[in-house]
PDB file of N, CA and C in Angstrom:
ATOM      1  N   GLY A   1       9.151  13.728   4.337  1.00  0.00           N
ATOM      2  CA  GLY A   1       6.971  14.043   3.862  1.00  0.00           C
ATOM      3  C   GLY A   1       6.604  12.917   3.805  1.00  0.00           C
ATOM      4  N   THR A   2       7.535  12.283   2.806  1.00  0.00           N
ATOM      5  CA  THR A   2       6.913  10.658   2.062  1.00  0.00           C
ATOM      6  C   THR A   2       7.019   9.628   3.518  1.00  0.00           C
ATOM      7  N   GLY A   3       8.270   9.690   4.223  1.00  0.00           N
ATOM      8  CA  GLY A   3       7.888   8.388   4.988  1.00  0.00           C
ATOM      9  C   GLY A   3       7.123   8.856   6.296  1.00  0.00           C
ATOM     10  N   ALA A   4       7.106   9.869   6.586  1.00  0.00           N
ATOM     11  CA  ALA A   4       5.885  10.068   7.609  1.00  0.00           C
ATOM     12  C   ALA A   4       4.702  10.225   7.075  1.00  0.00           C
ATOM     13  N   GLY A   5       4.405  10.035   6.042  1.00  0.00           N
ATOM     14  CA  GLY A   5       2.983   9.949   5.102  1.00  0.00           C
ATOM     15  C   GLY A   5       3.157   8.368   5.443  1.00  0.00           C
ATOM     16  N   MET A   6       4.073   7.867   4.648  1.00  0.00           N
ATOM     17  CA  MET A   6       3.912   6.150   4.415  1.00  0.00           C
ATOM     18  C   MET A   6       3.691   5.749   6.435  1.00  0.00           C
ATOM     19  N   ALA A   7       4.001   6.072   7.436  1.00  0.00           N
ATOM     20  CA  ALA A   7       4.119   5.850   8.833  1.00  0.00           C
ATOM     21  C   ALA A   7       2.312   5.447   8.997  1.00  0.00           C
ATOM     22  N   TYR A   8       2.002   6.491   8.355  1.00  0.00           N
ATOM     23  CA  TYR A   8       0.416   6.865   8.901  1.00  0.00           C
ATOM     24  C   TYR A   8      -0.403   5.578   8.002  1.00  0.00           C
ATOM     25  N   VAL A   9       0.356   5.456   6.994  1.00  0.00           N
ATOM     26  CA  VAL A   9      -0.803   4.254   5.863  1.00  0.00           C
ATOM     27  C   VAL A   9      -0.257   2.331   7.031  1.00  0.00           C
ATOM     28  N   PHE A  10       0.867   2.587   7.328  1.00  0.00           N
ATOM     29  CA  PHE A  10       1.503   0.782   7.190  1.00  0.00           C
ATOM     30  C   PHE A  10       0.640   0.303   8.590  1.00  0.00           C
ATOM     31  N   LEU A  11       0.600   0.972   9.922  1.00  0.00           N
ATOM     32  CA  LEU A  11      -0.154   0.905  10.798  1.00  0.00           C
ATOM     33  C   LEU A  11      -1.583   0.508  10.910  1.00  0.00           C
ATOM     34  N   PRO A  12      -1.807   1.304  10.498  1.00  0.00           N
ATOM     35  CA  PRO A  12      -4.115   0.815  10.312  1.00  0.00           C
ATOM     36  C   PRO A  12      -3.935  -0.311   9.019  1.00  0.00           C
ATOM     37  N   VAL A  13      -3.107  -0.519   7.984  1.00  0.00           N
ATOM     38  CA  VAL A  13      -3.260  -1.438   7.697  1.00  0.00           C
ATOM     39  C   VAL A  13      -2.780  -2.745   8.041  1.00  0.00           C
ATOM     40  N   GLY A  14      -1.933  -2.862   8.275  1.00  0.00           N
ATOM     41  CA  GLY A  14      -1.391  -3.570   9.307  1.00  0.00           C
ATOM     42  C   GLY A  14      -2.834  -4.103  10.853  1.00  0.00           C
ATOM     43  N   VAL A  15      -3.052  -3.245  11.226  1.00  0.00           N
ATOM     44  CA  VAL A  15      -3.752  -3.819  12.138  1.00  0.00           C
ATOM     45  C   VAL A  15      -5.360  -4.223  11.783  1.00  0.00           C
ATOM     46  N   ALA A  16      -5.583  -3.665  10.286  1.00  0.00           N
ATOM     47  CA  ALA A  16      -6.997  -4.386   9.796  1.00  0.00           C
ATOM     48  C   ALA A  16      -6.360  -5.431   9.143  1.00  0.00           C
ATOM     49  N   ALA A  17      -5.176  -6.094   8.396  1.00  0.00           N
ATOM     50  CA  ALA A  17      -4.774  -7.052   7.790  1.00  0.00           C
ATOM     51  C   ALA A  17      -4.953  -8.452   8.666  1.00  0.00           C
ATOM     52  N   PHE A  18      -5.270  -8.218   9.937  1.00  0.00           N
ATOM     53  CA  PHE A  18      -4.336  -8.842  10.793  1.00  0.00           C
ATOM     54  C   PHE A  18      -5.556  -8.802  12.367  1.00  0.00           C
ATOM     55  N   ALA A  19      -6.763  -7.922  11.807  1.00  0.00           N
ATOM     56  CA  ALA A  19      -7.536  -8.258  12.979  1.00  0.00           C
ATOM     57  C   ALA A  19      -8.168  -9.241  12.841  1.00  0.00           C
ATOM     58  N   THR A  20      -8.985 -10.251  12.124  1.00  0.00           N
ATOM     59  CA  THR A  20      -9.687 -10.903  12.000  1.00  0.00           C
ATOM     60  C   THR A  20      -8.876 -12.708  12.042  1.00  0.00           C
ATOM     61  N   ILE A  21      -7.546 -12.428  12.058  1.00  0.00           N
ATOM     62  CA  ILE A  21      -6.650 -13.788  12.125  1.00  0.00           C
ATOM     63  C   ILE A  21      -6.401 -14.202  13.646  1.00  0.00           C
ATOM     64  N   SER A  22      -6.869 -15.722  13.384  1.00  0.00           N
ATOM     65  CA  SER A  22      -6.858 -16.108  14.446  1.00  0.00           C
ATOM     66  C   SER A  22      -5.017 -16.526  15.006  1.00  0.00           C
ATOM     67  N   SER A  23      -5.079 -16.500  16.403  1.00  0.00           N
ATOM     68  CA  SER A  23      -3.204 -16.517  17.084  1.00  0.00           C
ATOM     69  C   SER A  23      -2.660 -17.636  15.681  1.00  0.00           C
ATOM     70  N   ALA A  24      -3.124 -18.775  15.714  1.00  0.00           N
ATOM     71  CA  ALA A  24      -2.544 -20.091  15.283  1.00  0.00           C
ATOM     72  C   ALA A  24      -2.182 -19.817  13.481  1.00  0.00           C
ATOM     73  N   ASP A  25      -3.025 -18.533  13.581  1.00  0.00           N
ATOM     74  CA  ASP A  25      -2.552 -18.532  11.940  1.00  0.00           C
ATOM     75  C   ASP A  25      -1.771 -16.906  11.742  1.00  0.00           C
ATOM     76  N   THR A  26      -1.074 -16.444  12.906  1.00  0.00           N
ATOM     77  CA  THR A  26      -0.790 -14.996  12.757  1.00  0.00           C
ATOM     78  C   THR A  26       0.562 -15.077  12.104  1.00  0.00           C
ATOM     79  N   GLY A  27       1.351 -16.357  12.130  1.00  0.00           N
ATOM     80  CA  GLY A  27       3.007 -16.338  11.678  1.00  0.00           C
ATOM     81  C   GLY A  27       2.519 -16.127   9.947  1.00  0.00           C
ATOM     82  N   ARG A  28       1.860 -17.004   9.119  1.00  0.00           N
ATOM     83  CA  ARG A  28       1.527 -17.650   7.934  1.00  0.00           C
ATOM     84  C   ARG A  28       1.102 -16.137   7.213  1.00  0.00           C
ATOM     85  N   ALA A  29       0.111 -15.461   8.458  1.00  0.00           N
ATOM     86  CA  ALA A  29      -0.286 -14.136   7.471  1.00  0.00           C
ATOM     87  C   ALA A  29       0.649 -12.770   7.587  1.00  0.00           C
ATOM     88  N   SER A  30       1.458 -12.782   8.618  1.00  0.00           N
ATOM     89  CA  SER A  30       2.807 -12.039   8.523  1.00  0.00           C
ATOM     90  C   SER A  30       3.843 -12.503   7.688  1.00  0.00           C
ATOM     91  N   VAL A  31       3.852 -13.487   6.957  1.00  0.00           N
ATOM     92  CA  VAL A  31       4.867 -13.828   6.097  1.00  0.00           C
ATOM     93  C   VAL A  31       3.982 -13.447   4.836  1.00  0.00           C
ATOM     94  N   LEU A  32       2.920 -13.531   4.716  1.00  0.00           N
ATOM     95  CA  LEU A  32       2.393 -13.530   3.204  1.00  0.00           C
ATOM     96  C   LEU A  32       1.881 -11.652   3.198  1.00  0.00           C
ATOM     97  N   PHE A  33       2.052 -10.848   4.154  1.00  0.00           N
ATOM     98  CA  PHE A  33       1.747  -9.655   4.390  1.00  0.00           C
ATOM     99  C   PHE A  33       3.120  -9.095   4.311  1.00  0.00           C
ATOM    100  N   ASN A  34       3.899  -9.025   4.495  1.00  0.00           N
ATOM    101  CA  ASN A  34       5.678  -8.571   4.321  1.00  0.00           C
ATOM    102  C   ASN A  34       5.854  -8.874   3.153  1.00  0.00           C
ATOM    103  N   ALA A  35       5.506 -10.338   2.550  1.00  0.00           N
ATOM    104  CA  ALA A  35       6.042 -10.718   1.034  1.00  0.00           C
ATOM    105  C   ALA A  35       5.714  -9.508   0.404  1.00  0.00           C
ATOM    106  N   GLN A  36       4.188  -9.394   0.486  1.00  0.00           N
ATOM    107  CA  GLN A  36       3.351  -8.414  -0.810  1.00  0.00           C
ATOM    108  C   GLN A  36       3.668  -7.219  -0.313  1.00  0.00           C
ATOM    109  N   ASN A  37       3.773  -6.909   1.083  1.00  0.00           N
ATOM    110  CA  ASN A  37       5.260  -5.312   0.875  1.00  0.00           C
ATOM    111  C   ASN A  37       5.925  -5.235   0.090  1.00  0.00           C
ATOM    112  N   GLN A  38       6.796  -6.198   0.378  1.00  0.00           N
ATOM    113  CA  GLN A  38       8.089  -5.984  -0.356  1.00  0.00           C
ATOM    114  C   GLN A  38       7.723  -5.960  -2.113  1.00  0.00           C
ATOM    115  N   LEU A  39       7.171  -7.104  -2.537  1.00  0.00           N
ATOM    116  CA  LEU A  39       7.119  -7.448  -4.356  1.00  0.00           C
ATOM    117  C   LEU A  39       5.936  -6.472  -4.634  1.00  0.00           C
ATOM    118  N   GLY A  40       5.023  -5.486  -3.558  1.00  0.00           N
ATOM    119  CA  GLY A  40       4.645  -4.237  -4.294  1.00  0.00           C
ATOM    120  C   GLY A  40       5.882  -3.042  -4.513  1.00  0.00           C
ATOM    121  N   GLY A  41       6.556  -3.270  -3.431  1.00  0.00           N
ATOM    122  CA  GLY A  41       7.048  -1.925  -3.768  1.00  0.00           C
ATOM    123  C   GLY A  41       8.246  -2.256  -4.312  1.00  0.00           C
ATOM    124  N   ALA A  42       8.907  -3.012  -4.662  1.00  0.00           N
ATOM    125  CA  ALA A  42       9.913  -3.782  -5.597  1.00  0.00           C
ATOM    126  C   ALA A  42       9.413  -3.581  -7.119  1.00  0.00           C
ATOM    127  N   SER A  43       8.021  -4.175  -7.396  1.00  0.00           N
ATOM    128  CA  SER A  43       7.369  -4.061  -8.646  1.00  0.00           C
ATOM    129  C   SER A  43       6.836  -2.559  -9.414  1.00  0.00           C
ATOM    130  N   GLY A  44       6.814  -1.630  -8.397  1.00  0.00           N
ATOM    131  CA  GLY A  44       6.193  -0.500  -8.100  1.00  0.00           C
ATOM    132  C   GLY A  44       7.642   0.656  -9.053  1.00  0.00           C
ATOM    133  N   VAL A  45       8.831   0.183  -7.988  1.00  0.00           N
ATOM    134  CA  VAL A  45      10.128   0.868  -8.613  1.00  0.00           C
ATOM    135  C   VAL A  45      10.450   0.406  -9.773  1.00  0.00           C
ATOM    136  N   ALA A  46      10.031  -0.902 -10.115  1.00  0.00           N
ATOM    137  CA  ALA A  46      10.368  -1.463 -11.336  1.00  0.00           C
ATOM    138  C   ALA A  46       9.775  -0.651 -12.144  1.00  0.00           C
ATOM    139  N   LEU A  47       8.783  -0.811 -12.149  1.00  0.00           N
ATOM    140  CA  LEU A  47       7.892   0.340 -13.093  1.00  0.00           C
ATOM    141  C   LEU A  47       8.269   1.458 -13.716  1.00  0.00           C
ATOM    142  N   ILE A  48       8.246   2.472 -12.592  1.00  0.00           N
ATOM    143  CA  ILE A  48       9.033   3.155 -12.602  1.00  0.00           C
ATOM    144  C   ILE A  48      10.106   3.303 -13.284  1.00  0.00           C
ATOM    145  N   SER A  49      11.222   3.154 -12.714  1.00  0.00           N
ATOM    146  CA  SER A  49      12.387   2.820 -13.702  1.00  0.00           C
ATOM    147  C   SER A  49      12.343   2.157 -15.148  1.00  0.00           C
ATOM    148  N   GLY A  50      11.852   1.366 -15.573  1.00  0.00           N
ATOM    149  CA  GLY A  50      10.724   1.103 -17.161  1.00  0.00           C
ATOM    150  C   GLY A  50      10.695   2.253 -17.763  1.00  0.00           C
ATOM    151  N   ILE A  51       9.958   2.863 -17.003  1.00  0.00           N
ATOM    152  CA  ILE A  51       9.177   3.863 -17.797  1.00  0.00           C
ATOM    153  C   ILE A  51       9.686   5.078 -18.070  1.00  0.00           C
ATOM    154  N   LEU A  52      10.833   5.545 -17.091  1.00  0.00           N
ATOM    155  CA  LEU A  52      11.861   6.277 -17.018  1.00  0.00           C
ATOM    156  C   LEU A  52      12.918   6.452 -18.172  1.00  0.00           C
ATOM    157  N   ALA A  53      13.183   5.120 -18.151  1.00  0.00           N
ATOM    158  CA  ALA A  53      14.077   4.549 -19.005  1.00  0.00           C
ATOM    159  C   ALA A  53      13.735   4.658 -20.636  1.00  0.00           C
ATOM    160  N   ALA A  54      12.149   4.211 -20.673  1.00  0.00           N
ATOM    161  CA  ALA A  54      12.058   3.904 -22.124  1.00  0.00           C
ATOM    162  C   ALA A  54      11.876   5.214 -22.555  1.00  0.00           C
ATOM    163  N   VAL A  55      11.012   6.056 -21.969  1.00  0.00           N
ATOM    164  CA  VAL A  55      10.496   7.078 -22.413  1.00  0.00           C
ATOM    165  C   VAL A  55      11.794   8.501 -22.826  1.00  0.00           C
ATOM    166  N   GLY A  56      12.701   8.071 -21.323  1.00  0.00           N
ATOM    167  CA  GLY A  56      13.569   9.468 -21.582  1.00  0.00           C
ATOM    168  C   GLY A  56      14.806   9.019 -22.478  1.00  0.00           C
ATOM    169  N   ALA A  57      15.210   7.621 -22.695  1.00  0.00           N
ATOM    170  CA  ALA A  57      16.114   7.450 -23.872  1.00  0.00           C
ATOM    171  C   ALA A  57      15.797   8.051 -25.032  1.00  0.00           C
ATOM    172  N   GLY A  58      14.504   7.824 -26.097  1.00  0.00           N
ATOM    173  CA  GLY A  58      14.201   8.778 -27.033  1.00  0.00           C
ATOM    174  C   GLY A  58      13.438   9.850 -27.380  1.00  0.00           C
ATOM    175  N   ALA A  59      13.606  10.645 -26.443  1.00  0.00           N
ATOM    176  CA  ALA A  59      12.720  11.506 -26.262  1.00  0.00           C
ATOM    177  C   ALA A  59      13.985  12.927 -26.464  1.00  0.00           C
ATOM    178  N   ALA A  60      13.141  13.501 -27.108  1.00  0.00           N
ATOM    179  CA  ALA A  60      13.113  14.846 -27.749  1.00  0.00           C
ATOM    180  C   ALA A  60      13.494  15.985 -26.378  1.00  0.00           C
ATOM    181  N   GLN A  61      12.306  15.833 -25.817  1.00  0.00           N
ATOM    182  CA  GLN A  61      12.512  16.708 -24.501  1.00  0.00           C
ATOM    183  C   GLN A  61      12.942  16.315 -23.522  1.00  0.00           C
ATOM    184  N   GLN A  62      13.780  17.300 -22.639  1.00  0.00           N
ATOM    185  CA  GLN A  62      14.838  16.576 -21.815  1.00  0.00           C
ATOM    186  C   GLN A  62      14.180  15.618 -20.273  1.00  0.00           C
ATOM    187  N   PHE A  63      13.204  16.490 -20.171  1.00  0.00           N
ATOM    188  CA  PHE A  63      12.087  15.946 -19.009  1.00  0.00           C
ATOM    189  C   PHE A  63      11.018  14.499 -19.092  1.00  0.00           C
ATOM    190  N   ALA A  64      11.051  14.715 -20.382  1.00  0.00           N
ATOM    191  CA  ALA A  64       9.880  13.529 -20.789  1.00  0.00           C
ATOM    192  C   ALA A  64       9.881  12.315 -20.045  1.00  0.00           C
ATOM    193  N   GLY A  65      11.132  11.992 -19.865  1.00  0.00           N
ATOM    194  CA  GLY A  65      10.942  10.755 -19.487  1.00  0.00           C
ATOM    195  C   GLY A  65      10.672  10.375 -17.710  1.00  0.00           C
ATOM    196  N   TYR A  66      10.949  11.544 -17.000  1.00  0.00           N
ATOM    197  CA  TYR A  66      10.767  11.600 -14.994  1.00  0.00           C
ATOM    198  C   TYR A  66       9.110  12.497 -15.905  1.00  0.00           C
ATOM    199  N   TYR A  67       8.232  13.166 -16.727  1.00  0.00           N
ATOM    200  CA  TYR A  67       6.912  13.536 -16.904  1.00  0.00           C
ATOM    201  C   TYR A  67       5.903  12.271 -16.892  1.00  0.00           C
ATOM    202  N   ALA A  68       6.754  11.306 -17.663  1.00  0.00           N
ATOM    203  CA  ALA A  68       5.688  10.108 -17.845  1.00  0.00           C
ATOM    204  C   ALA A  68       6.087   9.281 -16.354  1.00  0.00           C
ATOM    205  N   ALA A  69       7.313   8.901 -16.079  1.00  0.00           N
ATOM    206  CA  ALA A  69       7.195   8.395 -14.510  1.00  0.00           C
ATOM    207  C   ALA A  69       6.338   8.758 -13.911  1.00  0.00           C
ATOM    208  N   PHE A  70       6.149  10.456 -13.654  1.00  0.00           N
ATOM    209  CA  PHE A  70       5.305  11.256 -12.504  1.00  0.00           C
ATOM    210  C   PHE A  70       3.946  10.675 -12.420  1.00  0.00           C
ATOM    211  N   ALA A  71       3.265  10.764 -13.486  1.00  0.00           N
ATOM    212  CA  ALA A  71       2.169  10.498 -14.318  1.00  0.00           C
ATOM    213  C   ALA A  71       2.030   8.800 -14.678  1.00  0.00           C
ATOM    214  N   THR A  72       2.591   7.593 -14.447  1.00  0.00           N
ATOM    215  CA  THR A  72       2.362   7.098 -13.589  1.00  0.00           C
ATOM    216  C   THR A  72       2.373   6.832 -12.188  1.00  0.00           C
ATOM    217  N   ALA A  73       3.009   7.491 -11.709  1.00  0.00           N
ATOM    218  CA  ALA A  73       3.124   6.894 -10.345  1.00  0.00           C
ATOM    219  C   ALA A  73       1.897   7.658  -9.811  1.00  0.00           C
ATOM    220  N   ALA A  74       1.450   8.795 -10.067  1.00  0.00           N
ATOM    221  CA  ALA A  74       0.134   9.745  -9.912  1.00  0.00           C
ATOM    222  C   ALA A  74      -0.989   8.146 -10.132  1.00  0.00           C
ATOM    223  N   ALA A  75      -0.863   8.168 -11.198  1.00  0.00           N
ATOM    224  CA  ALA A  75      -2.130   7.067 -11.383  1.00  0.00           C
ATOM    225  C   ALA A  75      -2.733   5.776 -10.674  1.00  0.00           C
ATOM    226  N   LEU A  76      -0.738   5.419 -10.431  1.00  0.00           N
ATOM    227  CA  LEU A  76      -0.963   4.501  -9.550  1.00  0.00           C
ATOM    228  C   LEU A  76      -1.545   4.831  -8.324  1.00  0.00           C
ATOM    229  N   ALA A  77      -1.406   5.841  -7.793  1.00  0.00           N
ATOM    230  CA  ALA A  77      -2.117   6.579  -6.392  1.00  0.00           C
ATOM    231  C   ALA A  77      -3.447   6.804  -6.545  1.00  0.00           C
ATOM    232  N   LEU A  78      -3.676   7.197  -7.632  1.00  0.00           N
ATOM    233  CA  LEU A  78      -5.318   7.686  -7.691  1.00  0.00           C
ATOM    234  C   LEU A  78      -5.701   5.930  -7.524  1.00  0.00           C
ATOM    235  N   ILE A  79      -5.790   5.439  -8.309  1.00  0.00           N
ATOM    236  CA  ILE A  79      -5.803   3.777  -8.519  1.00  0.00           C
ATOM    237  C   ILE A  79      -5.991   3.051  -7.167  1.00  0.00           C
ATOM    238  N   GLY A  80      -5.047   3.168  -5.973  1.00  0.00           N
ATOM    239  CA  GLY A  80      -4.963   2.886  -4.458  1.00  0.00           C
ATOM    240  C   GLY A  80      -6.337   3.579  -4.045  1.00  0.00           C
ATOM    241  N   ALA A  81      -6.334   4.844  -4.243  1.00  0.00           N
ATOM    242  CA  ALA A  81      -7.259   5.202  -3.133  1.00  0.00           C
ATOM    243  C   ALA A  81      -8.410   4.997  -4.031  1.00  0.00           C
ATOM    244  N   LEU A  82      -8.916   5.021  -5.499  1.00  0.00           N
ATOM    245  CA  LEU A  82     -10.359   4.498  -5.490  1.00  0.00           C
ATOM    246  C   LEU A  82     -10.798   3.037  -4.992  1.00  0.00           C
ATOM    247  N   ILE A  83      -9.424   2.359  -4.896  1.00  0.00           N
ATOM    248  CA  ILE A  83      -9.639   1.234  -3.514  1.00  0.00           C
ATOM    249  C   ILE A  83      -9.993   1.286  -2.905  1.00  0.00           C
ATOM    250  N   ALA A  84      -9.338   1.987  -1.920  1.00  0.00           N
ATOM    251  CA  ALA A  84      -9.492   2.191  -0.588  1.00  0.00           C
ATOM    252  C   ALA A  84     -10.931   2.899  -0.779  1.00  0.00           C
ATOM    253  N   PHE A  85     -11.184   3.430  -1.577  1.00  0.00           N
ATOM    254  CA  PHE A  85     -12.897   4.194  -1.079  1.00  0.00           C
ATOM    255  C   PHE A  85     -14.177   2.996  -0.870  1.00  0.00           C
ATOM    256  N   THR A  86     -13.573   1.768  -2.049  1.00  0.00           N
ATOM    257  CA  THR A  86     -14.662   0.725  -2.262  1.00  0.00           C
ATOM    258  C   THR A  86     -14.699   0.075  -0.468  1.00  0.00           C
ATOM    259  N   LEU A  87     -13.879  -0.107   0.510  1.00  0.00           N
ATOM    260  CA  LEU A  87     -14.076  -0.093   1.860  1.00  0.00           C
ATOM    261  C   LEU A  87     -15.214  -0.027   2.089  1.00  0.00           C
ATOM    262  N   ARG A  88     -16.030  -0.517   3.043  1.00  0.00           N
ATOM    263  CA  ARG A  88     -17.087  -0.505   4.283  1.00  0.00           C
ATOM    264  C   ARG A  88     -16.936  -0.363   5.220  1.00  0.00           C
ATOM    265  N   ASP A  89     -17.229   1.515   5.940  1.00  0.00           N
ATOM    266  CA  ASP A  89     -16.778   1.087   7.382  1.00  0.00           C
ATOM    267  C   ASP A  89     -17.556   0.130   8.076  1.00  0.00           C
ATOM    268  N   SER A  90     -18.595  -0.494   7.895  1.00  0.00           N
ATOM    269  CA  SER A  90     -19.484  -1.755   8.487  1.00  0.00           C
ATOM    270  C   SER A  90     -18.622  -2.971   8.625  1.00  0.00           C
ATOM    271  N   GLU A  91     -17.738  -2.931   7.593  1.00  0.00           N
ATOM    272  CA  GLU A  91     -16.627  -4.255   7.456  1.00  0.00           C
ATOM    273  C   GLU A  91     -15.631  -4.287   8.664  1.00  0.00           C
ATOM    274  N   ALA A  92     -14.924  -3.331   8.390  1.00  0.00           N
ATOM    275  CA  ALA A  92     -13.733  -2.948   9.366  1.00  0.00           C
ATOM    276  C   ALA A  92     -14.449  -2.487  10.809  1.00  0.00           C
ATOM    277  N   ALA A  93     -15.888  -1.845  10.766  1.00  0.00           N
ATOM    278  CA  ALA A  93     -15.926  -2.311  12.399  1.00  0.00           C
ATOM    279  C   ALA A  93     -15.847  -2.843  13.474  1.00  0.00           C
ATOM    280  N   ALA A  94     -15.909  -4.013  13.045  1.00  0.00           N
ATOM    281  CA  ALA A  94     -15.663  -5.332  13.522  1.00  0.00           C
ATOM    282  C   ALA A  94     -14.672  -5.404  14.154  1.00  0.00           C
ATOM    283  N   SER A  95     -13.679  -5.521  13.387  1.00  0.00           N
ATOM    284  CA  SER A  95     -12.102  -5.582  13.384  1.00  0.00           C
ATOM    285  C   SER A  95     -11.282  -4.611  14.772  1.00  0.00           C
ATOM    286  N   MET A  96     -12.226  -2.857  14.292  1.00  0.00           N
ATOM    287  CA  MET A  96     -11.817  -2.032  15.298  1.00  0.00           C
ATOM    288  C   MET A  96     -12.567  -2.528  16.765  1.00  0.00           C
ATOM    289  N   ARG A  97     -13.435  -2.464  16.606  1.00  0.00           N
ATOM    290  CA  ARG A  97     -14.248  -2.803  17.981  1.00  0.00           C
ATOM    291  C   ARG A  97     -13.021  -4.504  18.619  1.00  0.00           C
ATOM    292  N   ALA A  98     -13.213  -5.342  18.072  1.00  0.00           N
ATOM    293  CA  ALA A  98     -12.407  -6.336  18.839  1.00  0.00           C
ATOM    294  C   ALA A  98     -10.558  -6.059  18.853  1.00  0.00           C
ATOM    295  N   ASN A  99      -9.963  -4.795  18.724  1.00  0.00           N
ATOM    296  CA  ASN A  99      -8.726  -3.948  18.806  1.00  0.00           C
ATOM    297  C   ASN A  99      -8.835  -3.159  19.577  1.00  0.00           C
ATOM    298  N   ALA A 100     -10.237  -2.995  20.046  1.00  0.00           N
ATOM    299  CA  ALA A 100     -10.213  -1.524  21.000  1.00  0.00           C
ATOM    300  C   ALA A 100      -9.402  -1.251  22.906  1.00  0.00           C
ATOM    301  N   PRO A 101      -9.407  -0.624  22.719  1.00  0.00           N
ATOM    302  CA  PRO A 101      -8.728  -0.821  24.050  1.00  0.00           C
ATOM    303  C   PRO A 101      -9.632  -1.119  25.408  1.00  0.00           C
ATOM    304  N   GLY A 102      -9.397  -1.812  26.318  1.00  0.00           N
ATOM    305  CA  GLY A 102      -9.893  -2.493  26.872  1.00  0.00           C
ATOM    306  C   GLY A 102     -10.725  -3.517  26.150  1.00  0.00           C
ATOM    307  N   ALA A 103     -11.199  -3.989  25.585  1.00  0.00           N
ATOM    308  CA  ALA A 103     -11.488  -5.463  24.835  1.00  0.00           C
ATOM    309  C   ALA A 103     -11.663  -6.422  25.415  1.00  0.00           C
ATOM    310  N   ALA A 104      -9.868  -7.062  25.766  1.00  0.00           N
ATOM    311  CA  ALA A 104      -9.969  -8.175  26.120  1.00  0.00           C
ATOM    312  C   ALA A 104     -10.339  -8.293  27.447  1.00  0.00           C
ATOM    313  N   MET A 105     -10.766  -7.442  28.310  1.00  0.00           N
ATOM    314  CA  MET A 105     -10.644  -7.364  29.477  1.00  0.00           C
ATOM    315  C   MET A 105     -12.359  -7.804  29.930  1.00  0.00           C
ATOM    316  N   HIS A 106     -13.047  -7.659  28.762  1.00  0.00           N
ATOM    317  CA  HIS A 106     -14.575  -7.371  28.855  1.00  0.00           C
ATOM    318  C   HIS A 106     -14.800  -9.033  29.226  1.00  0.00           C
TER     319      HIS A 106
END
């Protein structure tokens, strides 16, 4: 389930990220984009693991660490969704027209 959902997120994000990048800058942009993806994933795993270890180690309730880790992951997902809702369609429209099928033929 999660892998399929991520597949529907990464492709549009990549298309939007590179839509306005010139051919000469594509290499540098690709490095930055991939580094950001790797650092974001690694820091998320580190944060959730740290919370799980910190809360779970001293908790009287058996699953307290898991509840705290889940709540943190849900909060991060909510923050990401709120940021995504701040994007305007007008800003994305130019990049979508540039990448539309047959756009290079005209």
